[in-house]
Structure formats: C-alpha cells, structure tokens
Amino acid sequence: GYRERADRLIGRVLSEVPGSKLSSDQFCRIFD
C-alpha cells in the first residue's frame, strides 16, 4: 500500500500548496 499512500500525499501537496512541484527525478525514487 505504499504507492497509494504516496499518491495521496502528492495529490494534497500539489493541490494545496501554490507553486509546489515534484522533483524532476521523482521517477527514479522508490520510497521517497
């Protein structure tokens, strides 16, 4: 269930924090 928890956190931050963005190397990350 790690991926699902991570996706929920990402969704909240990107929708609630203006100007926020994921690191461009997020695709290289396993847990972070």
Full PDB file with SEQRES, HELIX, SHEET, SSBOND, CRYST1, ORIGX, SCALE, CONECT and MASTER records, all heavy atoms in Angstrom:
SEQRES   1 A   32  GLY TYR ARG GLU ARG ALA ASP ARG LEU ILE GLY ARG VAL          
SEQRES   2 A   32  LEU SER GLU VAL PRO GLY SER LYS LEU SER SER ASP GLN          
SEQRES   3 A   32  PHE CYS ARG ILE PHE ASP                                      
HELIX    1 AA1 TYR A    2  GLU A   16  1                                  15    
HELIX    2 AA2 GLN A   26  CYS A   28  5                                   3    
CRYST1    1.000    1.000    1.000  90.00  90.00  90.00 P 1           1          
ORIGX1      1.000000  0.000000  0.000000        0.00000                         
ORIGX2      0.000000  1.000000  0.000000        0.00000                         
ORIGX3      0.000000  0.000000  1.000000        0.00000                         
SCALE1      1.000000  0.000000  0.000000        0.00000                         
SCALE2      0.000000  1.000000  0.000000        0.00000                         
SCALE3      0.000000  0.000000  1.000000        0.00000                         
ATOM      1  N   GLY A   1       0.787  -1.232   0.000  1.00  0.00           N  
ATOM      2  CA  GLY A   1       0.000   0.000   0.000  1.00  0.00           C  
ATOM      3  C   GLY A   1       0.813   1.272   0.000  1.00  0.00           C  
ATOM      4  O   GLY A   1       0.246   2.369   0.098  1.00  0.00           O  
ATOM      5  N   TYR A   2       2.142   1.159  -0.134  1.00  0.00           N  
ATOM      6  CA  TYR A   2       2.991   2.357  -0.056  1.00  0.00           C  
ATOM      7  C   TYR A   2       2.690   3.327  -1.193  1.00  0.00           C  
ATOM      8  O   TYR A   2       2.585   4.536  -0.976  1.00  0.00           O  
ATOM      9  CB  TYR A   2       4.472   1.962  -0.088  1.00  0.00           C  
ATOM     10  CG  TYR A   2       5.390   3.054   0.408  1.00  0.00           C  
ATOM     11  CD1 TYR A   2       5.845   3.067   1.719  1.00  0.00           C  
ATOM     12  CD2 TYR A   2       5.798   4.101  -0.434  1.00  0.00           C  
ATOM     13  CE1 TYR A   2       6.673   4.070   2.187  1.00  0.00           C  
ATOM     14  CE2 TYR A   2       6.621   5.110   0.023  1.00  0.00           C  
ATOM     15  CZ  TYR A   2       7.049   5.087   1.335  1.00  0.00           C  
ATOM     16  OH  TYR A   2       7.850   6.101   1.796  1.00  0.00           O  
ATOM     17  N   ARG A   3       2.544   2.797  -2.393  1.00  0.00           N  
ATOM     18  CA  ARG A   3       2.317   3.670  -3.549  1.00  0.00           C  
ATOM     19  C   ARG A   3       1.032   4.468  -3.399  1.00  0.00           C  
ATOM     20  O   ARG A   3       0.984   5.658  -3.743  1.00  0.00           O  
ATOM     21  CB  ARG A   3       2.251   2.810  -4.808  1.00  0.00           C  
ATOM     22  CG  ARG A   3       2.150   3.549  -6.124  1.00  0.00           C  
ATOM     23  CD  ARG A   3       3.424   4.293  -6.413  1.00  0.00           C  
ATOM     24  NE  ARG A   3       3.362   5.697  -6.020  1.00  0.00           N  
ATOM     25  CZ  ARG A   3       4.419   6.473  -5.850  1.00  0.00           C  
ATOM     26  NH1 ARG A   3       5.626   6.004  -6.013  1.00  0.00           N  
ATOM     27  NH2 ARG A   3       4.278   7.739  -5.517  1.00  0.00           N  
ATOM     28  N   GLU A   4      -0.001   3.849  -2.856  1.00  0.00           N  
ATOM     29  CA  GLU A   4      -1.278   4.541  -2.684  1.00  0.00           C  
ATOM     30  C   GLU A   4      -1.151   5.676  -1.672  1.00  0.00           C  
ATOM     31  O   GLU A   4      -1.686   6.780  -1.882  1.00  0.00           O  
ATOM     32  CB  GLU A   4      -2.361   3.556  -2.244  1.00  0.00           C  
ATOM     33  CG  GLU A   4      -2.792   2.565  -3.319  1.00  0.00           C  
ATOM     34  CD  GLU A   4      -1.781   1.441  -3.544  1.00  0.00           C  
ATOM     35  OE1 GLU A   4      -0.856   1.297  -2.721  1.00  0.00           O  
ATOM     36  OE2 GLU A   4      -1.919   0.717  -4.548  1.00  0.00           O  
ATOM     37  N   ARG A   5      -0.465   5.428  -0.551  1.00  0.00           N  
ATOM     38  CA  ARG A   5      -0.262   6.489   0.444  1.00  0.00           C  
ATOM     39  C   ARG A   5       0.559   7.632  -0.137  1.00  0.00           C  
ATOM     40  O   ARG A   5       0.274   8.813   0.100  1.00  0.00           O  
ATOM     41  CB  ARG A   5       0.424   5.911   1.681  1.00  0.00           C  
ATOM     42  CG  ARG A   5      -0.497   5.137   2.604  1.00  0.00           C  
ATOM     43  CD  ARG A   5       0.263   4.530   3.765  1.00  0.00           C  
ATOM     44  NE  ARG A   5       1.061   3.399   3.313  1.00  0.00           N  
ATOM     45  CZ  ARG A   5       2.049   2.844   4.028  1.00  0.00           C  
ATOM     46  NH1 ARG A   5       2.400   3.367   5.191  1.00  0.00           N  
ATOM     47  NH2 ARG A   5       2.712   1.816   3.557  1.00  0.00           N  
ATOM     48  N   ALA A   6       1.580   7.273  -0.913  1.00  0.00           N  
ATOM     49  CA  ALA A   6       2.417   8.303  -1.527  1.00  0.00           C  
ATOM     50  C   ALA A   6       1.606   9.153  -2.499  1.00  0.00           C  
ATOM     51  O   ALA A   6       1.724  10.386  -2.522  1.00  0.00           O  
ATOM     52  CB  ALA A   6       3.602   7.663  -2.236  1.00  0.00           C  
ATOM     53  N   ASP A   7       0.773   8.514  -3.296  1.00  0.00           N  
ATOM     54  CA  ASP A   7      -0.032   9.254  -4.278  1.00  0.00           C  
ATOM     55  C   ASP A   7      -1.006  10.202  -3.599  1.00  0.00           C  
ATOM     56  O   ASP A   7      -1.246  11.322  -4.086  1.00  0.00           O  
ATOM     57  CB  ASP A   7      -0.787   8.272  -5.181  1.00  0.00           C  
ATOM     58  CG  ASP A   7       0.112   7.586  -6.197  1.00  0.00           C  
ATOM     59  OD1 ASP A   7       1.230   8.084  -6.430  1.00  0.00           O  
ATOM     60  OD2 ASP A   7      -0.310   6.551  -6.749  1.00  0.00           O  
ATOM     61  N   ARG A   8      -1.572   9.784  -2.468  1.00  0.00           N  
ATOM     62  CA  ARG A   8      -2.493  10.675  -1.745  1.00  0.00           C  
ATOM     63  C   ARG A   8      -1.754  11.902  -1.209  1.00  0.00           C  
ATOM     64  O   ARG A   8      -2.270  13.023  -1.274  1.00  0.00           O  
ATOM     65  CB  ARG A   8      -3.174   9.915  -0.609  1.00  0.00           C  
ATOM     66  CG  ARG A   8      -4.251   8.935  -1.086  1.00  0.00           C  
ATOM     67  CD  ARG A   8      -5.129   8.479   0.061  1.00  0.00           C  
ATOM     68  NE  ARG A   8      -4.401   7.670   1.026  1.00  0.00           N  
ATOM     69  CZ  ARG A   8      -4.277   6.345   0.964  1.00  0.00           C  
ATOM     70  NH1 ARG A   8      -4.832   5.666  -0.043  1.00  0.00           N  
ATOM     71  NH2 ARG A   8      -3.612   5.683   1.894  1.00  0.00           N  
ATOM     72  N   LEU A   9      -0.551  11.704  -0.685  1.00  0.00           N  
ATOM     73  CA  LEU A   9       0.242  12.836  -0.189  1.00  0.00           C  
ATOM     74  C   LEU A   9       0.596  13.770  -1.332  1.00  0.00           C  
ATOM     75  O   LEU A   9       0.470  15.005  -1.205  1.00  0.00           O  
ATOM     76  CB  LEU A   9       1.504  12.328   0.498  1.00  0.00           C  
ATOM     77  CG  LEU A   9       2.530  13.392   0.912  1.00  0.00           C  
ATOM     78  CD1 LEU A   9       1.911  14.418   1.860  1.00  0.00           C  
ATOM     79  CD2 LEU A   9       3.756  12.741   1.559  1.00  0.00           C  
ATOM     80  N   ILE A  10       1.022  13.220  -2.445  1.00  0.00           N  
ATOM     81  CA  ILE A  10       1.378  14.048  -3.600  1.00  0.00           C  
ATOM     82  C   ILE A  10       0.174  14.870  -4.052  1.00  0.00           C  
ATOM     83  O   ILE A  10       0.288  16.074  -4.321  1.00  0.00           O  
ATOM     84  CB  ILE A  10       1.893  13.158  -4.757  1.00  0.00           C  
ATOM     85  CG1 ILE A  10       3.256  12.567  -4.394  1.00  0.00           C  
ATOM     86  CG2 ILE A  10       2.003  13.965  -6.055  1.00  0.00           C  
ATOM     87  CD1 ILE A  10       3.724  11.476  -5.341  1.00  0.00           C  
ATOM     88  N   GLY A  11      -0.982  14.240  -4.122  1.00  0.00           N  
ATOM     89  CA  GLY A  11      -2.182  14.950  -4.546  1.00  0.00           C  
ATOM     90  C   GLY A  11      -2.521  16.115  -3.643  1.00  0.00           C  
ATOM     91  O   GLY A  11      -2.881  17.202  -4.123  1.00  0.00           O  
ATOM     92  N   ARG A  12      -2.424  15.914  -2.337  1.00  0.00           N  
ATOM     93  CA  ARG A  12      -2.729  17.004  -1.404  1.00  0.00           C  
ATOM     94  C   ARG A  12      -1.758  18.169  -1.561  1.00  0.00           C  
ATOM     95  O   ARG A  12      -2.162  19.327  -1.621  1.00  0.00           O  
ATOM     96  CB  ARG A  12      -2.685  16.486   0.037  1.00  0.00           C  
ATOM     97  CG  ARG A  12      -3.948  15.806   0.506  1.00  0.00           C  
ATOM     98  CD  ARG A  12      -4.038  15.819   2.017  1.00  0.00           C  
ATOM     99  NE  ARG A  12      -4.081  17.174   2.574  1.00  0.00           N  
ATOM    100  CZ  ARG A  12      -4.137  17.436   3.881  1.00  0.00           C  
ATOM    101  NH1 ARG A  12      -4.148  16.426   4.761  1.00  0.00           N  
ATOM    102  NH2 ARG A  12      -4.174  18.666   4.323  1.00  0.00           N  
ATOM    103  N   VAL A  13      -0.471  17.857  -1.621  1.00  0.00           N  
ATOM    104  CA  VAL A  13       0.520  18.939  -1.704  1.00  0.00           C  
ATOM    105  C   VAL A  13       0.344  19.726  -3.003  1.00  0.00           C  
ATOM    106  O   VAL A  13       0.297  20.968  -2.992  1.00  0.00           O  
ATOM    107  CB  VAL A  13       1.947  18.369  -1.602  1.00  0.00           C  
ATOM    108  CG1 VAL A  13       2.977  19.445  -1.956  1.00  0.00           C  
ATOM    109  CG2 VAL A  13       2.208  17.840  -0.193  1.00  0.00           C  
ATOM    110  N   LEU A  14       0.221  19.045  -4.105  1.00  0.00           N  
ATOM    111  CA  LEU A  14       0.122  19.746  -5.388  1.00  0.00           C  
ATOM    112  C   LEU A  14      -1.154  20.571  -5.499  1.00  0.00           C  
ATOM    113  O   LEU A  14      -1.180  21.601  -6.186  1.00  0.00           O  
ATOM    114  CB  LEU A  14       0.203  18.755  -6.545  1.00  0.00           C  
ATOM    115  CG  LEU A  14       1.528  17.984  -6.680  1.00  0.00           C  
ATOM    116  CD1 LEU A  14       1.489  17.080  -7.908  1.00  0.00           C  
ATOM    117  CD2 LEU A  14       2.726  18.924  -6.743  1.00  0.00           C  
ATOM    118  N   SER A  15      -2.210  20.149  -4.816  1.00  0.00           N  
ATOM    119  CA  SER A  15      -3.471  20.892  -4.891  1.00  0.00           C  
ATOM    120  C   SER A  15      -3.570  21.998  -3.851  1.00  0.00           C  
ATOM    121  O   SER A  15      -4.284  22.985  -4.059  1.00  0.00           O  
ATOM    122  CB  SER A  15      -4.660  19.936  -4.739  1.00  0.00           C  
ATOM    123  OG  SER A  15      -4.667  19.344  -3.446  1.00  0.00           O  
ATOM    124  N   GLU A  16      -2.838  21.878  -2.736  1.00  0.00           N  
ATOM    125  CA  GLU A  16      -2.992  22.819  -1.634  1.00  0.00           C  
ATOM    126  C   GLU A  16      -1.840  23.806  -1.469  1.00  0.00           C  
ATOM    127  O   GLU A  16      -1.976  24.815  -0.772  1.00  0.00           O  
ATOM    128  CB  GLU A  16      -3.171  22.058  -0.311  1.00  0.00           C  
ATOM    129  CG  GLU A  16      -4.432  21.195  -0.265  1.00  0.00           C  
ATOM    130  CD  GLU A  16      -4.574  20.450   1.049  1.00  0.00           C  
ATOM    131  OE1 GLU A  16      -3.998  20.905   2.058  1.00  0.00           O  
ATOM    132  OE2 GLU A  16      -5.274  19.411   1.062  1.00  0.00           O  
ATOM    133  N   VAL A  17      -0.700  23.541  -2.085  1.00  0.00           N  
ATOM    134  CA  VAL A  17       0.466  24.425  -1.919  1.00  0.00           C  
ATOM    135  C   VAL A  17       0.772  25.087  -3.259  1.00  0.00           C  
ATOM    136  O   VAL A  17       1.332  24.446  -4.162  1.00  0.00           O  
ATOM    137  CB  VAL A  17       1.699  23.643  -1.419  1.00  0.00           C  
ATOM    138  CG1 VAL A  17       2.873  24.600  -1.196  1.00  0.00           C  
ATOM    139  CG2 VAL A  17       1.382  22.873  -0.146  1.00  0.00           C  
ATOM    140  N   PRO A  18       0.428  26.348  -3.424  1.00  0.00           N  
ATOM    141  CA  PRO A  18       0.671  27.039  -4.694  1.00  0.00           C  
ATOM    142  C   PRO A  18       2.157  27.020  -5.059  1.00  0.00           C  
ATOM    143  O   PRO A  18       3.015  27.286  -4.224  1.00  0.00           O  
ATOM    144  CB  PRO A  18       0.190  28.467  -4.416  1.00  0.00           C  
ATOM    145  CG  PRO A  18      -0.799  28.332  -3.296  1.00  0.00           C  
ATOM    146  CD  PRO A  18      -0.280  27.212  -2.442  1.00  0.00           C  
ATOM    147  N   GLY A  19       2.437  26.690  -6.299  1.00  0.00           N  
ATOM    148  CA  GLY A  19       3.818  26.677  -6.775  1.00  0.00           C  
ATOM    149  C   GLY A  19       4.577  25.403  -6.472  1.00  0.00           C  
ATOM    150  O   GLY A  19       5.743  25.268  -6.877  1.00  0.00           O  
ATOM    151  N   SER A  20       3.956  24.462  -5.771  1.00  0.00           N  
ATOM    152  CA  SER A  20       4.663  23.221  -5.441  1.00  0.00           C  
ATOM    153  C   SER A  20       4.778  22.336  -6.673  1.00  0.00           C  
ATOM    154  O   SER A  20       3.936  22.372  -7.575  1.00  0.00           O  
ATOM    155  CB  SER A  20       3.934  22.475  -4.320  1.00  0.00           C  
ATOM    156  OG  SER A  20       2.626  22.106  -4.726  1.00  0.00           O  
ATOM    157  N   LYS A  21       5.824  21.537  -6.695  1.00  0.00           N  
ATOM    158  CA  LYS A  21       6.035  20.590  -7.796  1.00  0.00           C  
ATOM    159  C   LYS A  21       6.924  19.470  -7.323  1.00  0.00           C  
ATOM    160  O   LYS A  21       7.739  19.639  -6.399  1.00  0.00           O  
ATOM    161  CB  LYS A  21       6.669  21.289  -9.001  1.00  0.00           C  
ATOM    162  CG  LYS A  21       8.065  21.843  -8.782  1.00  0.00           C  
ATOM    163  CD  LYS A  21       8.581  22.515 -10.039  1.00  0.00           C  
ATOM    164  CE  LYS A  21      10.029  23.005  -9.903  1.00  0.00           C  
ATOM    165  NZ  LYS A  21      10.190  24.041  -8.864  1.00  0.00           N  
ATOM    166  N   LEU A  22       6.760  18.319  -7.944  1.00  0.00           N  
ATOM    167  CA  LEU A  22       7.633  17.197  -7.648  1.00  0.00           C  
ATOM    168  C   LEU A  22       9.011  17.425  -8.261  1.00  0.00           C  
ATOM    169  O   LEU A  22       9.153  18.117  -9.273  1.00  0.00           O  
ATOM    170  CB  LEU A  22       7.042  15.908  -8.205  1.00  0.00           C  
ATOM    171  CG  LEU A  22       5.840  15.326  -7.460  1.00  0.00           C  
ATOM    172  CD1 LEU A  22       5.195  14.230  -8.284  1.00  0.00           C  
ATOM    173  CD2 LEU A  22       6.259  14.789  -6.097  1.00  0.00           C  
ATOM    174  N   SER A  23      10.008  16.829  -7.650  1.00  0.00           N  
ATOM    175  CA  SER A  23      11.336  16.839  -8.242  1.00  0.00           C  
ATOM    176  C   SER A  23      11.281  16.186  -9.619  1.00  0.00           C  
ATOM    177  O   SER A  23      10.552  15.216  -9.837  1.00  0.00           O  
ATOM    178  CB  SER A  23      12.301  16.076  -7.337  1.00  0.00           C  
ATOM    179  OG  SER A  23      13.505  15.824  -7.997  1.00  0.00           O  
ATOM    180  N   SER A  24      12.060  16.701 -10.548  1.00  0.00           N  
ATOM    181  CA  SER A  24      12.052  16.152 -11.905  1.00  0.00           C  
ATOM    182  C   SER A  24      12.594  14.731 -11.961  1.00  0.00           C  
ATOM    183  O   SER A  24      12.400  14.032 -12.956  1.00  0.00           O  
ATOM    184  CB  SER A  24      12.854  17.060 -12.845  1.00  0.00           C  
ATOM    185  OG  SER A  24      14.205  17.144 -12.425  1.00  0.00           O  
ATOM    186  N   ASP A  25      13.287  14.277 -10.893  1.00  0.00           N  
ATOM    187  CA  ASP A  25      13.769  12.898 -10.866  1.00  0.00           C  
ATOM    188  C   ASP A  25      12.903  11.998  -9.990  1.00  0.00           C  
ATOM    189  O   ASP A  25      13.343  10.924  -9.575  1.00  0.00           O  
ATOM    190  CB  ASP A  25      15.232  12.839 -10.426  1.00  0.00           C  
ATOM    191  CG  ASP A  25      15.428  13.206  -8.955  1.00  0.00           C  
ATOM    192  OD1 ASP A  25      14.469  13.703  -8.320  1.00  0.00           O  
ATOM    193  OD2 ASP A  25      16.543  12.991  -8.446  1.00  0.00           O  
ATOM    194  N   GLN A  26      11.656  12.407  -9.751  1.00  0.00           N  
ATOM    195  CA  GLN A  26      10.778  11.588  -8.913  1.00  0.00           C  
ATOM    196  C   GLN A  26      10.613  10.177  -9.489  1.00  0.00           C  
ATOM    197  O   GLN A  26      10.462   9.210  -8.749  1.00  0.00           O  
ATOM    198  CB  GLN A  26       9.404  12.262  -8.771  1.00  0.00           C  
ATOM    199  CG  GLN A  26       8.431  11.520  -7.864  1.00  0.00           C  
ATOM    200  CD  GLN A  26       8.901  11.426  -6.415  1.00  0.00           C  
ATOM    201  OE1 GLN A  26       9.427  12.386  -5.861  1.00  0.00           O  
ATOM    202  NE2 GLN A  26       8.729  10.269  -5.803  1.00  0.00           N  
ATOM    203  N   PHE A  27      10.668  10.054 -10.787  1.00  0.00           N  
ATOM    204  CA  PHE A  27      10.524   8.731 -11.407  1.00  0.00           C  
ATOM    205  C   PHE A  27      11.636   7.765 -11.013  1.00  0.00           C  
ATOM    206  O   PHE A  27      11.505   6.545 -11.175  1.00  0.00           O  
ATOM    207  CB  PHE A  27      10.468   8.863 -12.943  1.00  0.00           C  
ATOM    208  CG  PHE A  27      11.773   9.230 -13.579  1.00  0.00           C  
ATOM    209  CD1 PHE A  27      12.620   8.262 -14.086  1.00  0.00           C  
ATOM    210  CD2 PHE A  27      12.170  10.564 -13.670  1.00  0.00           C  
ATOM    211  CE1 PHE A  27      13.829   8.595 -14.685  1.00  0.00           C  
ATOM    212  CE2 PHE A  27      13.379  10.907 -14.258  1.00  0.00           C  
ATOM    213  CZ  PHE A  27      14.205   9.923 -14.770  1.00  0.00           C  
ATOM    214  N   CYS A  28      12.750   8.294 -10.474  1.00  0.00           N  
ATOM    215  CA  CYS A  28      13.874   7.460 -10.057  1.00  0.00           C  
ATOM    216  C   CYS A  28      13.765   7.016  -8.600  1.00  0.00           C  
ATOM    217  O   CYS A  28      14.647   6.313  -8.112  1.00  0.00           O  
ATOM    218  CB  CYS A  28      15.187   8.227 -10.207  1.00  0.00           C  
ATOM    219  SG  CYS A  28      15.622   8.689 -11.883  1.00  0.00           S  
ATOM    220  N   ARG A  29      12.708   7.440  -7.900  1.00  0.00           N  
ATOM    221  CA  ARG A  29      12.595   7.198  -6.462  1.00  0.00           C  
ATOM    222  C   ARG A  29      11.695   5.999  -6.176  1.00  0.00           C  
ATOM    223  O   ARG A  29      10.676   5.810  -6.833  1.00  0.00           O  
ATOM    224  CB  ARG A  29      12.073   8.453  -5.760  1.00  0.00           C  
ATOM    225  CG  ARG A  29      13.037   9.620  -5.914  1.00  0.00           C  
ATOM    226  CD  ARG A  29      12.483  10.948  -5.401  1.00  0.00           C  
ATOM    227  NE  ARG A  29      13.402  12.019  -5.759  1.00  0.00           N  
ATOM    228  CZ  ARG A  29      14.392  12.450  -4.981  1.00  0.00           C  
ATOM    229  NH1 ARG A  29      14.549  11.940  -3.771  1.00  0.00           N  
ATOM    230  NH2 ARG A  29      15.198  13.400  -5.392  1.00  0.00           N  
ATOM    231  N   ILE A  30      12.072   5.217  -5.165  1.00  0.00           N  
ATOM    232  CA  ILE A  30      11.311   4.040  -4.783  1.00  0.00           C  
ATOM    233  C   ILE A  30      10.375   4.346  -3.618  1.00  0.00           C  
ATOM    234  O   ILE A  30       9.169   4.092  -3.690  1.00  0.00           O  
ATOM    235  CB  ILE A  30      12.256   2.878  -4.425  1.00  0.00           C  
ATOM    236  CG1 ILE A  30      13.122   2.516  -5.649  1.00  0.00           C  
ATOM    237  CG2 ILE A  30      11.467   1.657  -3.944  1.00  0.00           C  
ATOM    238  CD1 ILE A  30      14.187   1.472  -5.359  1.00  0.00           C  
ATOM    239  N   PHE A  31      10.906   4.913  -2.534  1.00  0.00           N  
ATOM    240  CA  PHE A  31      10.095   5.214  -1.357  1.00  0.00           C  
ATOM    241  C   PHE A  31       9.994   6.713  -1.071  1.00  0.00           C  
ATOM    242  O   PHE A  31       9.057   7.160  -0.418  1.00  0.00           O  
ATOM    243  CB  PHE A  31      10.669   4.510  -0.118  1.00  0.00           C  
ATOM    244  CG  PHE A  31      10.655   3.008  -0.226  1.00  0.00           C  
ATOM    245  CD1 PHE A  31      11.831   2.296  -0.394  1.00  0.00           C  
ATOM    246  CD2 PHE A  31       9.464   2.308  -0.180  1.00  0.00           C  
ATOM    247  CE1 PHE A  31      11.822   0.916  -0.496  1.00  0.00           C  
ATOM    248  CE2 PHE A  31       9.442   0.926  -0.293  1.00  0.00           C  
ATOM    249  CZ  PHE A  31      10.625   0.230  -0.449  1.00  0.00           C  
ATOM    250  N   ASP A  32      10.940   7.476  -1.543  1.00  0.00           N  
ATOM    251  CA  ASP A  32      10.981   8.897  -1.227  1.00  0.00           C  
ATOM    252  C   ASP A  32      10.052   9.696  -2.137  1.00  0.00           C  
ATOM    253  O   ASP A  32       9.906   9.393  -3.320  1.00  0.00           O  
ATOM    254  CB  ASP A  32      12.414   9.420  -1.386  1.00  0.00           C  
ATOM    255  CG  ASP A  32      12.557  10.850  -0.918  1.00  0.00           C  
ATOM    256  OD1 ASP A  32      12.429  11.086   0.294  1.00  0.00           O  
ATOM    257  OD2 ASP A  32      12.788  11.721  -1.768  1.00  0.00           O  
TER     258      ASP A  32                                                      
MASTER        0    0    0    2    0    0    0    6  257    1    0    3          
END                                                                             
